[in-house]
């Protein structure tokens, strides 16, 4: 269950970034490209997790979620490649919530792999 939830949340984070790329971020130098890369990684990683529960994929999902949150935090605090994001907003909250949930599910799924070994 944890692996499937993680897969769906990671894919949802990727889908949100894809939507945001089409909506606005395709116009933002460097950060727009990073949104597209994030979307591709999230969607592919989510699909891979649905097919396989390999521990490496779960760790990759955790790294994806935490890395995405870290990039968002850096963008809101210091700016990222010349772009300064707002911390609050409907899409920021949606993406942040999905990424936090993905990180929590991936952490739980990864910790279960230690107890079942």
Protein backbone atom coordinates (compact mmCIF):
# COMPACT_ATOMS: atom_id res chain seq x y z
CA UNK A 1 0.00 0.00 0.00
CA UNK A 2 2.79 2.45 0.88
CA UNK A 3 4.56 1.87 -2.42
CA UNK A 4 1.40 2.49 -4.44
CA UNK A 5 0.56 5.63 -2.46
CA UNK A 6 4.13 6.85 -2.94
CA UNK A 7 3.92 6.14 -6.67
CA UNK A 8 0.66 8.05 -7.06
CA UNK A 9 1.88 11.01 -5.00
CA UNK A 10 5.18 11.25 -6.90
CA UNK A 11 3.29 11.10 -10.20
CA UNK A 12 0.87 13.76 -8.91
CA UNK A 13 3.79 16.04 -8.03
CA UNK A 14 5.13 15.53 -11.54
CA UNK A 15 1.71 16.24 -13.03
CA UNK A 16 1.38 19.46 -11.03
CA UNK A 17 4.77 20.61 -12.30
CA UNK A 18 3.78 19.75 -15.87
CA UNK A 19 0.59 21.76 -15.52
CA UNK A 20 2.51 24.69 -14.04
CA UNK A 21 5.06 24.49 -16.86
CA UNK A 22 2.28 24.80 -19.44
CA UNK A 23 0.49 27.49 -17.42
CA UNK A 24 3.42 29.85 -16.79
CA UNK A 25 6.83 28.39 -16.14
CA UNK A 26 7.65 27.64 -19.78
CA UNK A 27 8.41 31.39 -19.90
CA UNK A 28 10.86 31.39 -16.98
CA UNK A 29 14.52 30.99 -17.96
CA UNK A 30 16.21 27.89 -16.42
CA UNK A 31 13.52 27.34 -13.78
CA UNK A 32 10.99 26.56 -16.50
CA UNK A 33 13.25 23.83 -17.85
CA UNK A 34 13.68 22.48 -14.34
CA UNK A 35 9.87 22.31 -13.97
CA UNK A 36 9.70 20.23 -17.13
CA UNK A 37 12.51 17.94 -15.93
CA UNK A 38 10.77 17.61 -12.55
CA UNK A 39 7.52 16.67 -14.30
CA UNK A 40 9.22 14.02 -16.42
CA UNK A 41 11.07 12.50 -13.48
CA UNK A 42 7.95 12.48 -11.30
CA UNK A 43 5.78 10.83 -13.93
CA UNK A 44 8.39 8.22 -14.92
CA UNK A 45 9.35 7.47 -11.32
CA UNK A 46 5.70 7.15 -10.33
CA UNK A 47 5.06 4.70 -13.16
CA UNK A 48 8.18 2.70 -12.27
CA UNK A 49 7.07 2.46 -8.65
CA UNK A 50 3.68 1.13 -9.72
CA UNK A 51 5.40 -1.66 -11.61
CA UNK A 52 8.20 -2.47 -9.19
CA UNK A 53 8.75 -2.05 -5.47
CA UNK A 54 12.52 -2.09 -5.68
CA UNK A 55 14.14 -0.35 -2.75
CA UNK A 56 16.18 1.87 -5.06
CA UNK A 57 12.98 3.29 -6.57
CA UNK A 58 11.56 4.03 -3.13
CA UNK A 59 14.77 5.84 -2.17
CA UNK A 60 14.66 7.73 -5.48
CA UNK A 61 11.07 8.77 -4.72
CA UNK A 62 12.13 10.04 -1.30
CA UNK A 63 15.03 11.96 -2.85
CA UNK A 64 12.72 13.38 -5.52
CA UNK A 65 10.18 14.64 -2.98
CA UNK A 66 12.75 16.07 -0.58
CA UNK A 67 14.80 17.59 -3.41
CA UNK A 68 11.73 19.24 -4.91
CA UNK A 69 10.77 20.68 -1.53
CA UNK A 70 14.32 21.91 -0.97
CA UNK A 71 14.41 23.64 -4.36
CA UNK A 72 11.06 25.28 -3.59
CA UNK A 73 12.31 26.47 -0.20
CA UNK A 74 15.48 27.87 -1.77
CA UNK A 75 13.44 29.61 -4.45
CA UNK A 76 11.18 31.27 -1.89
CA UNK A 77 13.95 32.25 0.48
CA UNK A 78 16.89 33.23 -1.74
CA UNK A 79 15.62 32.85 -5.29
CA UNK A 80 16.74 30.23 -7.77
CA UNK A 81 18.49 31.11 -11.05
CA UNK A 82 17.15 34.64 -10.81
CA UNK A 83 13.55 33.61 -10.08
CA UNK A 84 12.04 34.34 -6.66
CA UNK A 85 8.92 32.32 -5.82
CA UNK A 86 6.19 33.21 -3.32
CA UNK A 87 5.82 30.77 -0.41
CA UNK A 88 2.02 30.90 -0.19
CA UNK A 89 -0.50 30.37 -2.96
CA UNK A 90 -2.92 27.68 -4.05
CA UNK A 91 -0.51 25.87 -6.36
CA UNK A 92 2.39 26.22 -3.94
CA UNK A 93 0.29 24.69 -1.19
CA UNK A 94 -1.02 21.90 -3.43
CA UNK A 95 2.44 20.95 -4.67
CA UNK A 96 3.98 21.26 -1.21
CA UNK A 97 1.29 19.09 0.35
CA UNK A 98 1.65 16.39 -2.30
CA UNK A 99 5.45 16.43 -1.98
CA UNK A 100 5.32 16.27 1.83
CA UNK A 101 2.91 13.33 1.61
CA UNK A 102 5.14 11.64 -0.99
CA UNK A 103 8.18 12.06 1.27
CA UNK A 104 6.26 10.64 4.25
CA UNK A 105 4.96 7.65 2.27
CA UNK A 106 8.36 6.96 0.74
CA UNK A 107 9.98 7.15 4.19
CA UNK A 108 7.44 4.71 5.57
CA UNK A 109 7.82 2.35 2.62
CA UNK A 110 11.60 2.49 2.90
CA UNK A 111 11.56 1.85 6.66
CA UNK A 112 9.28 -1.17 6.08
CA UNK A 113 11.93 -2.62 3.78
CA UNK A 114 14.31 -2.75 6.79
CA UNK A 115 11.84 -4.59 8.98
CA UNK A 116 10.91 -7.13 6.31
CA UNK A 117 14.52 -7.96 5.42
